[in-house]
């Protein structure tokens, strides 16, 4: 299954880097491999962080896609 990292400060560093990216700061999209998220910080921690920021998290093709905009989103097809 997936795990939570053993060192919380490592998770904080990883999250700060990811959400500090230009695309996250400008309402863009971030994507990460699910296996990498599981290994680095754990799904629960990522979900919690995305929810805290009011963003949206999608899963497709072995990737997590984070929409870094707090407004509503529409799935068109």
PDB file of N, CA and C in Angstrom:
ATOM      1  N   UNK A   1       0.840  -1.175   0.000  1.00  0.00           N
ATOM      2  CA  UNK A   1       0.000   0.000   0.000  1.00  0.00           C
ATOM      3  C   UNK A   1       0.884   1.236   0.000  1.00  0.00           C
ATOM      4  N   UNK A   2       0.525   2.261   0.733  1.00  0.00           N
ATOM      5  CA  UNK A   2       1.322   3.469   0.784  1.00  0.00           C
ATOM      6  C   UNK A   2       1.695   3.781   2.218  1.00  0.00           C
ATOM      7  N   UNK A   3       2.687   4.628   2.395  1.00  0.00           N
ATOM      8  CA  UNK A   3       3.179   4.899   3.739  1.00  0.00           C
ATOM      9  C   UNK A   3       3.260   6.399   3.985  1.00  0.00           C
ATOM     10  N   UNK A   4       3.373   6.751   5.237  1.00  0.00           N
ATOM     11  CA  UNK A   4       3.620   8.123   5.638  1.00  0.00           C
ATOM     12  C   UNK A   4       5.108   8.247   5.895  1.00  0.00           C
ATOM     13  N   UNK A   5       5.736   9.339   5.510  1.00  0.00           N
ATOM     14  CA  UNK A   5       7.168   9.463   5.719  1.00  0.00           C
ATOM     15  C   UNK A   5       7.513   9.417   7.199  1.00  0.00           C
ATOM     16  N   UNK A   6       8.707   8.950   7.490  1.00  0.00           N
ATOM     17  CA  UNK A   6       9.119   8.823   8.880  1.00  0.00           C
ATOM     18  C   UNK A   6       9.622  10.132   9.459  1.00  0.00           C
ATOM     19  N   UNK A   7      10.011  11.089   8.608  1.00  0.00           N
ATOM     20  CA  UNK A   7      10.524  12.370   9.096  1.00  0.00           C
ATOM     21  C   UNK A   7       9.608  13.485   8.604  1.00  0.00           C
ATOM     22  N   UNK A   8       8.792  14.050   9.503  1.00  0.00           N
ATOM     23  CA  UNK A   8       7.837  15.083   9.080  1.00  0.00           C
ATOM     24  C   UNK A   8       8.503  16.294   8.446  1.00  0.00           C
ATOM     25  N   UNK A   9       9.717  16.646   8.865  1.00  0.00           N
ATOM     26  CA  UNK A   9      10.373  17.820   8.276  1.00  0.00           C
ATOM     27  C   UNK A   9      10.693  17.593   6.801  1.00  0.00           C
ATOM     28  N   UNK A  10      10.931  16.352   6.404  1.00  0.00           N
ATOM     29  CA  UNK A  10      11.161  16.047   4.994  1.00  0.00           C
ATOM     30  C   UNK A  10       9.891  16.301   4.180  1.00  0.00           C
ATOM     31  N   UNK A  11       8.758  15.925   4.736  1.00  0.00           N
ATOM     32  CA  UNK A  11       7.476  16.144   4.060  1.00  0.00           C
ATOM     33  C   UNK A  11       7.210  17.644   3.916  1.00  0.00           C
ATOM     34  N   UNK A  12       7.491  18.403   4.959  1.00  0.00           N
ATOM     35  CA  UNK A  12       7.275  19.851   4.904  1.00  0.00           C
ATOM     36  C   UNK A  12       8.141  20.479   3.818  1.00  0.00           C
ATOM     37  N   UNK A  13       9.388  20.072   3.713  1.00  0.00           N
ATOM     38  CA  UNK A  13      10.301  20.577   2.683  1.00  0.00           C
ATOM     39  C   UNK A  13       9.745  20.245   1.292  1.00  0.00           C
ATOM     40  N   UNK A  14       9.317  19.012   1.089  1.00  0.00           N
ATOM     41  CA  UNK A  14       8.797  18.559  -0.193  1.00  0.00           C
ATOM     42  C   UNK A  14       7.554  19.358  -0.572  1.00  0.00           C
ATOM     43  N   UNK A  15       6.647  19.546   0.379  1.00  0.00           N
ATOM     44  CA  UNK A  15       5.417  20.299   0.117  1.00  0.00           C
ATOM     45  C   UNK A  15       5.707  21.768  -0.161  1.00  0.00           C
ATOM     46  N   UNK A  16       6.623  22.365   0.598  1.00  0.00           N
ATOM     47  CA  UNK A  16       6.987  23.767   0.369  1.00  0.00           C
ATOM     48  C   UNK A  16       7.559  23.966  -1.025  1.00  0.00           C
ATOM     49  N   UNK A  17       8.387  23.033  -1.469  1.00  0.00           N
ATOM     50  CA  UNK A  17       8.950  23.125  -2.823  1.00  0.00           C
ATOM     51  C   UNK A  17       7.866  22.998  -3.882  1.00  0.00           C
ATOM     52  N   UNK A  18       7.000  22.019  -3.719  1.00  0.00           N
ATOM     53  CA  UNK A  18       5.974  21.768  -4.718  1.00  0.00           C
ATOM     54  C   UNK A  18       5.005  22.950  -4.820  1.00  0.00           C
ATOM     55  N   UNK A  19       4.479  23.419  -3.700  1.00  0.00           N
ATOM     56  CA  UNK A  19       3.510  24.499  -3.726  1.00  0.00           C
ATOM     57  C   UNK A  19       4.156  25.869  -3.881  1.00  0.00           C
ATOM     58  N   UNK A  20       5.478  25.916  -3.840  1.00  0.00           N
ATOM     59  CA  UNK A  20       6.198  27.155  -4.110  1.00  0.00           C
ATOM     60  C   UNK A  20       6.496  27.347  -5.588  1.00  0.00           C
ATOM     61  N   UNK A  21       6.216  26.331  -6.390  1.00  0.00           N
ATOM     62  CA  UNK A  21       6.475  26.405  -7.834  1.00  0.00           C
ATOM     63  C   UNK A  21       5.596  27.486  -8.467  1.00  0.00           C
ATOM     64  N   UNK A  22       6.084  28.067  -9.537  1.00  0.00           N
ATOM     65  CA  UNK A  22       5.360  29.140 -10.222  1.00  0.00           C
ATOM     66  C   UNK A  22       3.940  28.715 -10.607  1.00  0.00           C
ATOM     67  N   UNK A  23       3.792  27.497 -11.134  1.00  0.00           N
ATOM     68  CA  UNK A  23       2.454  27.065 -11.562  1.00  0.00           C
ATOM     69  C   UNK A  23       1.494  26.995 -10.374  1.00  0.00           C
ATOM     70  N   UNK A  24       1.977  26.614  -9.210  1.00  0.00           N
ATOM     71  CA  UNK A  24       1.119  26.572  -8.031  1.00  0.00           C
ATOM     72  C   UNK A  24       0.754  27.981  -7.577  1.00  0.00           C
ATOM     73  N   UNK A  25       1.684  28.891  -7.693  1.00  0.00           N
ATOM     74  CA  UNK A  25       1.468  30.262  -7.244  1.00  0.00           C
ATOM     75  C   UNK A  25       0.538  31.054  -8.172  1.00  0.00           C
ATOM     76  N   UNK A  26       0.434  30.617  -9.418  1.00  0.00           N
ATOM     77  CA  UNK A  26      -0.357  31.370 -10.397  1.00  0.00           C
ATOM     78  C   UNK A  26      -1.663  30.669 -10.780  1.00  0.00           C
ATOM     79  N   UNK A  27      -2.092  29.689  -9.978  1.00  0.00           N
ATOM     80  CA  UNK A  27      -3.360  29.027 -10.250  1.00  0.00           C
ATOM     81  C   UNK A  27      -3.274  27.956 -11.307  1.00  0.00           C
ATOM     82  N   UNK A  28      -2.077  27.459 -11.555  1.00  0.00           N
ATOM     83  CA  UNK A  28      -1.872  26.437 -12.581  1.00  0.00           C
ATOM     84  C   UNK A  28      -2.091  25.027 -12.059  1.00  0.00           C
ATOM     85  N   UNK A  29      -1.417  24.087 -12.713  1.00  0.00           N
ATOM     86  CA  UNK A  29      -1.583  22.665 -12.421  1.00  0.00           C
ATOM     87  C   UNK A  29      -0.228  22.062 -12.079  1.00  0.00           C
ATOM     88  N   UNK A  30      -0.226  21.173 -11.099  1.00  0.00           N
ATOM     89  CA  UNK A  30       0.964  20.403 -10.724  1.00  0.00           C
ATOM     90  C   UNK A  30       0.607  18.935 -10.881  1.00  0.00           C
ATOM     91  N   UNK A  31       1.540  18.140 -11.348  1.00  0.00           N
ATOM     92  CA  UNK A  31       1.282  16.694 -11.385  1.00  0.00           C
ATOM     93  C   UNK A  31       2.480  15.956 -10.813  1.00  0.00           C
ATOM     94  N   UNK A  32       2.196  14.865 -10.130  1.00  0.00           N
ATOM     95  CA  UNK A  32       3.222  14.028  -9.540  1.00  0.00           C
ATOM     96  C   UNK A  32       2.806  12.578  -9.676  1.00  0.00           C
ATOM     97  N   UNK A  33       3.772  11.694  -9.877  1.00  0.00           N
ATOM     98  CA  UNK A  33       3.480  10.264  -9.913  1.00  0.00           C
ATOM     99  C   UNK A  33       2.976   9.817  -8.548  1.00  0.00           C
ATOM    100  N   UNK A  34       1.949   8.991  -8.560  1.00  0.00           N
ATOM    101  CA  UNK A  34       1.367   8.499  -7.318  1.00  0.00           C
ATOM    102  C   UNK A  34       2.399   7.725  -6.507  1.00  0.00           C
ATOM    103  N   UNK A  35       3.176   6.886  -7.159  1.00  0.00           N
ATOM    104  CA  UNK A  35       4.188   6.109  -6.446  1.00  0.00           C
ATOM    105  C   UNK A  35       5.194   7.018  -5.745  1.00  0.00           C
ATOM    106  N   UNK A  36       5.521   8.126  -6.373  1.00  0.00           N
ATOM    107  CA  UNK A  36       6.470   9.061  -5.775  1.00  0.00           C
ATOM    108  C   UNK A  36       5.859   9.734  -4.549  1.00  0.00           C
ATOM    109  N   UNK A  37       4.588  10.136  -4.654  1.00  0.00           N
ATOM    110  CA  UNK A  37       3.888  10.738  -3.512  1.00  0.00           C
ATOM    111  C   UNK A  37       3.827   9.736  -2.359  1.00  0.00           C
ATOM    112  N   UNK A  38       3.477   8.495  -2.665  1.00  0.00           N
ATOM    113  CA  UNK A  38       3.412   7.456  -1.636  1.00  0.00           C
ATOM    114  C   UNK A  38       4.756   7.310  -0.923  1.00  0.00           C
ATOM    115  N   UNK A  39       5.819   7.328  -1.669  1.00  0.00           N
ATOM    116  CA  UNK A  39       7.160   7.145  -1.114  1.00  0.00           C
ATOM    117  C   UNK A  39       7.625   8.366  -0.322  1.00  0.00           C
ATOM    118  N   UNK A  40       7.343   9.562  -0.823  1.00  0.00           N
ATOM    119  CA  UNK A  40       7.902  10.772  -0.223  1.00  0.00           C
ATOM    120  C   UNK A  40       7.102  11.328   0.949  1.00  0.00           C
ATOM    121  N   UNK A  41       5.777  11.442   0.811  1.00  0.00           N
ATOM    122  CA  UNK A  41       4.998  12.063   1.892  1.00  0.00           C
ATOM    123  C   UNK A  41       3.735  11.301   2.267  1.00  0.00           C
ATOM    124  N   UNK A  42       3.243  10.435   1.397  1.00  0.00           N
ATOM    125  CA  UNK A  42       2.010   9.704   1.668  1.00  0.00           C
ATOM    126  C   UNK A  42       0.792  10.443   1.129  1.00  0.00           C
ATOM    127  N   UNK A  43      -0.177   9.678   0.676  1.00  0.00           N
ATOM    128  CA  UNK A  43      -1.385  10.253   0.072  1.00  0.00           C
ATOM    129  C   UNK A  43      -2.189  11.092   1.059  1.00  0.00           C
ATOM    130  N   UNK A  44      -2.302  10.606   2.277  1.00  0.00           N
ATOM    131  CA  UNK A  44      -3.110  11.325   3.266  1.00  0.00           C
ATOM    132  C   UNK A  44      -2.551  12.724   3.515  1.00  0.00           C
ATOM    133  N   UNK A  45      -1.238  12.824   3.601  1.00  0.00           N
ATOM    134  CA  UNK A  45      -0.614  14.136   3.843  1.00  0.00           C
ATOM    135  C   UNK A  45      -0.838  15.067   2.652  1.00  0.00           C
ATOM    136  N   UNK A  46      -0.700  14.534   1.432  1.00  0.00           N
ATOM    137  CA  UNK A  46      -0.936  15.349   0.243  1.00  0.00           C
ATOM    138  C   UNK A  46      -2.388  15.819   0.196  1.00  0.00           C
ATOM    139  N   UNK A  47      -3.315  14.908   0.430  1.00  0.00           N
ATOM    140  CA  UNK A  47      -4.733  15.257   0.417  1.00  0.00           C
ATOM    141  C   UNK A  47      -5.035  16.347   1.444  1.00  0.00           C
ATOM    142  N   UNK A  48      -4.493  16.204   2.633  1.00  0.00           N
ATOM    143  CA  UNK A  48      -4.694  17.198   3.682  1.00  0.00           C
ATOM    144  C   UNK A  48      -4.169  18.565   3.247  1.00  0.00           C
ATOM    145  N   UNK A  49      -2.999  18.593   2.653  1.00  0.00           N
ATOM    146  CA  UNK A  49      -2.395  19.858   2.221  1.00  0.00           C
ATOM    147  C   UNK A  49      -3.203  20.505   1.096  1.00  0.00           C
ATOM    148  N   UNK A  50      -3.658  19.702   0.149  1.00  0.00           N
ATOM    149  CA  UNK A  50      -4.457  20.227  -0.960  1.00  0.00           C
ATOM    150  C   UNK A  50      -5.774  20.802  -0.426  1.00  0.00           C
ATOM    151  N   UNK A  51      -6.421  20.093   0.473  1.00  0.00           N
ATOM    152  CA  UNK A  51      -7.669  20.574   1.058  1.00  0.00           C
ATOM    153  C   UNK A  51      -7.450  21.857   1.852  1.00  0.00           C
ATOM    154  N   UNK A  52      -6.375  21.920   2.621  1.00  0.00           N
ATOM    155  CA  UNK A  52      -6.081  23.118   3.416  1.00  0.00           C
ATOM    156  C   UNK A  52      -5.923  24.351   2.531  1.00  0.00           C
ATOM    157  N   UNK A  53      -5.417  24.160   1.338  1.00  0.00           N
ATOM    158  CA  UNK A  53      -5.201  25.273   0.421  1.00  0.00           C
ATOM    159  C   UNK A  53      -6.437  25.586  -0.422  1.00  0.00           C
ATOM    160  N   UNK A  54      -7.457  24.733  -0.334  1.00  0.00           N
ATOM    161  CA  UNK A  54      -8.670  24.947  -1.116  1.00  0.00           C
ATOM    162  C   UNK A  54      -8.507  24.560  -2.576  1.00  0.00           C
ATOM    163  N   UNK A  55      -7.490  23.739  -2.892  1.00  0.00           N
ATOM    164  CA  UNK A  55      -7.229  23.302  -4.248  1.00  0.00           C
ATOM    165  C   UNK A  55      -7.992  22.009  -4.528  1.00  0.00           C
ATOM    166  N   UNK A  56      -7.792  21.444  -5.705  1.00  0.00           N
ATOM    167  CA  UNK A  56      -8.477  20.215  -6.121  1.00  0.00           C
ATOM    168  C   UNK A  56      -7.437  19.163  -6.499  1.00  0.00           C
ATOM    169  N   UNK A  57      -7.731  17.900  -6.163  1.00  0.00           N
ATOM    170  CA  UNK A  57      -6.830  16.795  -6.456  1.00  0.00           C
ATOM    171  C   UNK A  57      -7.544  15.775  -7.325  1.00  0.00           C
ATOM    172  N   UNK A  58      -6.947  15.466  -8.472  1.00  0.00           N
ATOM    173  CA  UNK A  58      -7.473  14.463  -9.395  1.00  0.00           C
ATOM    174  C   UNK A  58      -6.473  13.323  -9.496  1.00  0.00           C
ATOM    175  N   UNK A  59      -6.960  12.148  -9.852  1.00  0.00           N
ATOM    176  CA  UNK A  59      -6.092  10.999 -10.077  1.00  0.00           C
ATOM    177  C   UNK A  59      -6.375  10.443 -11.460  1.00  0.00           C
ATOM    178  N   UNK A  60      -5.330  10.277 -12.260  1.00  0.00           N
ATOM    179  CA  UNK A  60      -5.489   9.724 -13.602  1.00  0.00           C
ATOM    180  C   UNK A  60      -4.159   9.179 -14.087  1.00  0.00           C
ATOM    181  N   UNK A  61      -4.188   8.005 -14.674  1.00  0.00           N
ATOM    182  CA  UNK A  61      -3.005   7.440 -15.314  1.00  0.00           C
ATOM    183  C   UNK A  61      -1.785   7.333 -14.425  1.00  0.00           C
ATOM    184  N   UNK A  62      -1.985   6.979 -13.168  1.00  0.00           N
ATOM    185  CA  UNK A  62      -0.852   6.837 -12.259  1.00  0.00           C
ATOM    186  C   UNK A  62      -0.276   8.159 -11.787  1.00  0.00           C
ATOM    187  N   UNK A  63      -1.019   9.247 -11.997  1.00  0.00           N
ATOM    188  CA  UNK A  63      -0.571  10.584 -11.612  1.00  0.00           C
ATOM    189  C   UNK A  63      -1.613  11.240 -10.715  1.00  0.00           C
ATOM    190  N   UNK A  64      -1.134  12.079  -9.819  1.00  0.00           N
ATOM    191  CA  UNK A  64      -2.006  13.014  -9.119  1.00  0.00           C
ATOM    192  C   UNK A  64      -1.896  14.336  -9.851  1.00  0.00           C
ATOM    193  N   UNK A  65      -3.011  14.939 -10.126  1.00  0.00           N
ATOM    194  CA  UNK A  65      -3.052  16.250 -10.773  1.00  0.00           C
ATOM    195  C   UNK A  65      -3.675  17.204  -9.765  1.00  0.00           C
ATOM    196  N   UNK A  66      -2.942  18.243  -9.422  1.00  0.00           N
ATOM    197  CA  UNK A  66      -3.418  19.224  -8.461  1.00  0.00           C
ATOM    198  C   UNK A  66      -3.747  20.500  -9.214  1.00  0.00           C
ATOM    199  N   UNK A  67      -4.993  20.916  -9.142  1.00  0.00           N
ATOM    200  CA  UNK A  67      -5.438  22.164  -9.733  1.00  0.00           C
ATOM    201  C   UNK A  67      -5.303  23.217  -8.634  1.00  0.00           C
ATOM    202  N   UNK A  68      -4.361  24.122  -8.813  1.00  0.00           N
ATOM    203  CA  UNK A  68      -4.008  25.097  -7.782  1.00  0.00           C
ATOM    204  C   UNK A  68      -4.849  26.354  -7.879  1.00  0.00           C
ATOM    205  N   UNK A  69      -6.134  26.161  -7.943  1.00  0.00           N
ATOM    206  CA  UNK A  69      -7.088  27.276  -7.986  1.00  0.00           C
ATOM    207  C   UNK A  69      -8.245  26.887  -7.078  1.00  0.00           C
ATOM    208  N   UNK A  70      -8.641  27.778  -6.200  1.00  0.00           N
ATOM    209  CA  UNK A  70      -9.668  27.421  -5.227  1.00  0.00           C
ATOM    210  C   UNK A  70     -11.098  27.408  -5.765  1.00  0.00           C
ATOM    211  N   UNK A  71     -11.344  27.963  -6.926  1.00  0.00           N
ATOM    212  CA  UNK A  71     -12.703  28.020  -7.452  1.00  0.00           C
ATOM    213  C   UNK A  71     -13.195  26.682  -7.966  1.00  0.00           C
ATOM    214  N   UNK A  72     -14.446  26.657  -8.398  1.00  0.00           N
ATOM    215  CA  UNK A  72     -15.005  25.421  -8.937  1.00  0.00           C
ATOM    216  C   UNK A  72     -14.303  24.992 -10.222  1.00  0.00           C
ATOM    217  N   UNK A  73     -14.303  23.693 -10.481  1.00  0.00           N
ATOM    218  CA  UNK A  73     -13.769  23.169 -11.734  1.00  0.00           C
ATOM    219  C   UNK A  73     -14.873  22.377 -12.433  1.00  0.00           C
ATOM    220  N   UNK A  74     -14.766  22.258 -13.752  1.00  0.00           N
ATOM    221  CA  UNK A  74     -15.718  21.478 -14.536  1.00  0.00           C
ATOM    222  C   UNK A  74     -14.966  20.425 -15.325  1.00  0.00           C
ATOM    223  N   UNK A  75     -15.464  19.216 -15.319  1.00  0.00           N
ATOM    224  CA  UNK A  75     -14.946  18.142 -16.165  1.00  0.00           C
ATOM    225  C   UNK A  75     -15.744  18.211 -17.463  1.00  0.00           C
ATOM    226  N   UNK A  76     -15.102  18.497 -18.577  1.00  0.00           N
ATOM    227  CA  UNK A  76     -15.815  18.712 -19.836  1.00  0.00           C
ATOM    228  C   UNK A  76     -16.033  17.434 -20.633  1.00  0.00           C
ATOM    229  N   UNK A  77     -15.169  16.475 -20.500  1.00  0.00           N
ATOM    230  CA  UNK A  77     -15.401  15.193 -21.173  1.00  0.00           C
ATOM    231  C   UNK A  77     -14.610  14.106 -20.514  1.00  0.00           C
TER     232      UNK A  77
END
